[in-house]
Amino acid sequence: MDRIYMSRVPGSERIHVEIQVNEIADLLDDFAPDADAFEATKNLHRILTDAYRVFAPELAPPSEGDQMS
């Protein structure tokens, strides 16, 4: 996560974090939201999981849909 961009424009405050592909697995290992986690936390976890499936499909965890089958 070498590049972090911040917008400080009033009404549009946000951050953009560039995450290297090799950091995704580490984040997923450390970051497993509980059922009572905030929706933003669950969304971020979903984004990381989806990205990992794209970059390393043979290593990525199964999707929620895969687990239901």
C-alpha atoms as a PDB file:
ATOM      1  CA  MET A   1       0.000   0.000   0.000  1.00  0.00           C
ATOM      2  CA  ASP A   2       2.520   2.477  -1.225  1.00  0.00           C
ATOM      3  CA  ARG A   3       0.042   4.928  -2.704  1.00  0.00           C
ATOM      4  CA  ILE A   4      -2.774   6.499  -0.752  1.00  0.00           C
ATOM      5  CA  TYR A   5      -4.761   9.349  -2.221  1.00  0.00           C
ATOM      6  CA  MET A   6      -6.989  11.589  -0.127  1.00  0.00           C
ATOM      7  CA  SER A   7      -9.683  13.946  -1.331  1.00  0.00           C
ATOM      8  CA  ARG A   8     -10.316  16.736   1.126  1.00  0.00           C
ATOM      9  CA  VAL A   9     -12.892  18.488  -1.020  1.00  0.00           C
ATOM     10  CA  PRO A  10     -15.832  19.328   1.263  1.00  0.00           C
ATOM     11  CA  GLY A  11     -18.661  16.918   0.573  1.00  0.00           C
ATOM     12  CA  SER A  12     -16.351  14.533  -1.305  1.00  0.00           C
ATOM     13  CA  GLU A  13     -13.963  13.474   1.451  1.00  0.00           C
ATOM     14  CA  ARG A  14     -12.635   9.980   0.705  1.00  0.00           C
ATOM     15  CA  ILE A  15      -9.501   7.899   0.428  1.00  0.00           C
ATOM     16  CA  HIS A  16      -8.172   5.742  -2.384  1.00  0.00           C
ATOM     17  CA  VAL A  17      -5.712   3.049  -1.345  1.00  0.00           C
ATOM     18  CA  GLU A  18      -3.727   1.055  -3.876  1.00  0.00           C
ATOM     19  CA  ILE A  19      -3.284  -2.489  -2.615  1.00  0.00           C
ATOM     20  CA  GLN A  20      -0.654  -4.689  -4.242  1.00  0.00           C
ATOM     21  CA  VAL A  21      -1.821  -8.159  -5.276  1.00  0.00           C
ATOM     22  CA  ASN A  22       0.602  -9.797  -2.836  1.00  0.00           C
ATOM     23  CA  GLU A  23      -0.960  -7.827   0.040  1.00  0.00           C
ATOM     24  CA  ILE A  24      -4.503  -9.060  -0.602  1.00  0.00           C
ATOM     25  CA  ALA A  25      -3.957 -12.528   0.895  1.00  0.00           C
ATOM     26  CA  ASP A  26      -2.348 -11.003   3.987  1.00  0.00           C
ATOM     27  CA  LEU A  27      -5.282  -8.655   4.478  1.00  0.00           C
ATOM     28  CA  LEU A  28      -7.794 -11.481   4.038  1.00  0.00           C
ATOM     29  CA  ASP A  29      -5.907 -13.597   6.588  1.00  0.00           C
ATOM     30  CA  ASP A  30      -6.091 -10.784   9.150  1.00  0.00           C
ATOM     31  CA  PHE A  31      -9.514  -9.506   8.226  1.00  0.00           C
ATOM     32  CA  ALA A  32     -12.569 -11.724   8.662  1.00  0.00           C
ATOM     33  CA  PRO A  33     -15.614  -9.688   9.640  1.00  0.00           C
ATOM     34  CA  ASP A  34     -18.122 -11.098  12.108  1.00  0.00           C
ATOM     35  CA  ALA A  35     -21.833 -11.258  11.340  1.00  0.00           C
ATOM     36  CA  ASP A  36     -22.388  -8.081  13.370  1.00  0.00           C
ATOM     37  CA  ALA A  37     -19.688  -6.092  11.507  1.00  0.00           C
ATOM     38  CA  PHE A  38     -20.558  -2.812   9.851  1.00  0.00           C
ATOM     39  CA  GLU A  39     -21.829  -3.093   6.271  1.00  0.00           C
ATOM     40  CA  ALA A  40     -18.798  -1.103   5.054  1.00  0.00           C
ATOM     41  CA  THR A  41     -16.503  -3.717   6.632  1.00  0.00           C
ATOM     42  CA  LYS A  42     -18.385  -6.555   4.947  1.00  0.00           C
ATOM     43  CA  ASN A  43     -18.241  -4.714   1.605  1.00  0.00           C
ATOM     44  CA  LEU A  44     -14.492  -4.150   1.889  1.00  0.00           C
ATOM     45  CA  HIS A  45     -13.950  -7.833   2.675  1.00  0.00           C
ATOM     46  CA  ARG A  46     -16.102  -8.768  -0.333  1.00  0.00           C
ATOM     47  CA  ILE A  47     -14.085  -6.434  -2.582  1.00  0.00           C
ATOM     48  CA  LEU A  48     -10.792  -7.930  -1.399  1.00  0.00           C
ATOM     49  CA  THR A  49     -12.087 -11.473  -1.883  1.00  0.00           C
ATOM     50  CA  ASP A  50     -13.375 -10.704  -5.383  1.00  0.00           C
ATOM     51  CA  ALA A  51     -10.071  -9.058  -6.329  1.00  0.00           C
ATOM     52  CA  TYR A  52      -8.112 -12.031  -5.034  1.00  0.00           C
ATOM     53  CA  ARG A  53     -10.295 -14.363  -7.116  1.00  0.00           C
ATOM     54  CA  VAL A  54      -9.361 -12.346 -10.210  1.00  0.00           C
ATOM     55  CA  PHE A  55      -5.616 -12.141  -9.502  1.00  0.00           C
ATOM     56  CA  ALA A  56      -5.076 -15.590  -7.938  1.00  0.00           C
ATOM     57  CA  PRO A  57      -8.116 -17.778  -8.651  1.00  0.00           C
ATOM     58  CA  GLU A  58      -6.341 -20.990  -7.687  1.00  0.00           C
ATOM     59  CA  LEU A  59      -5.544 -19.584  -4.226  1.00  0.00           C
ATOM     60  CA  ALA A  60      -8.658 -17.548  -3.505  1.00  0.00           C
ATOM     61  CA  PRO A  61     -11.253 -18.664  -0.967  1.00  0.00           C
ATOM     62  CA  PRO A  62     -14.591 -19.896  -2.323  1.00  0.00           C
ATOM     63  CA  SER A  63     -17.304 -17.311  -2.882  1.00  0.00           C
ATOM     64  CA  GLU A  64     -20.473 -17.210  -0.815  1.00  0.00           C
ATOM     65  CA  GLY A  65     -22.280 -18.698  -3.822  1.00  0.00           C
ATOM     66  CA  ASP A  66     -19.777 -21.579  -3.986  1.00  0.00           C
ATOM     67  CA  GLN A  67     -20.341 -22.341  -0.310  1.00  0.00           C
ATOM     68  CA  MET A  68     -24.125 -22.553  -0.785  1.00  0.00           C
ATOM     69  CA  SER A  69     -23.894 -25.231  -3.517  1.00  0.00           C
END
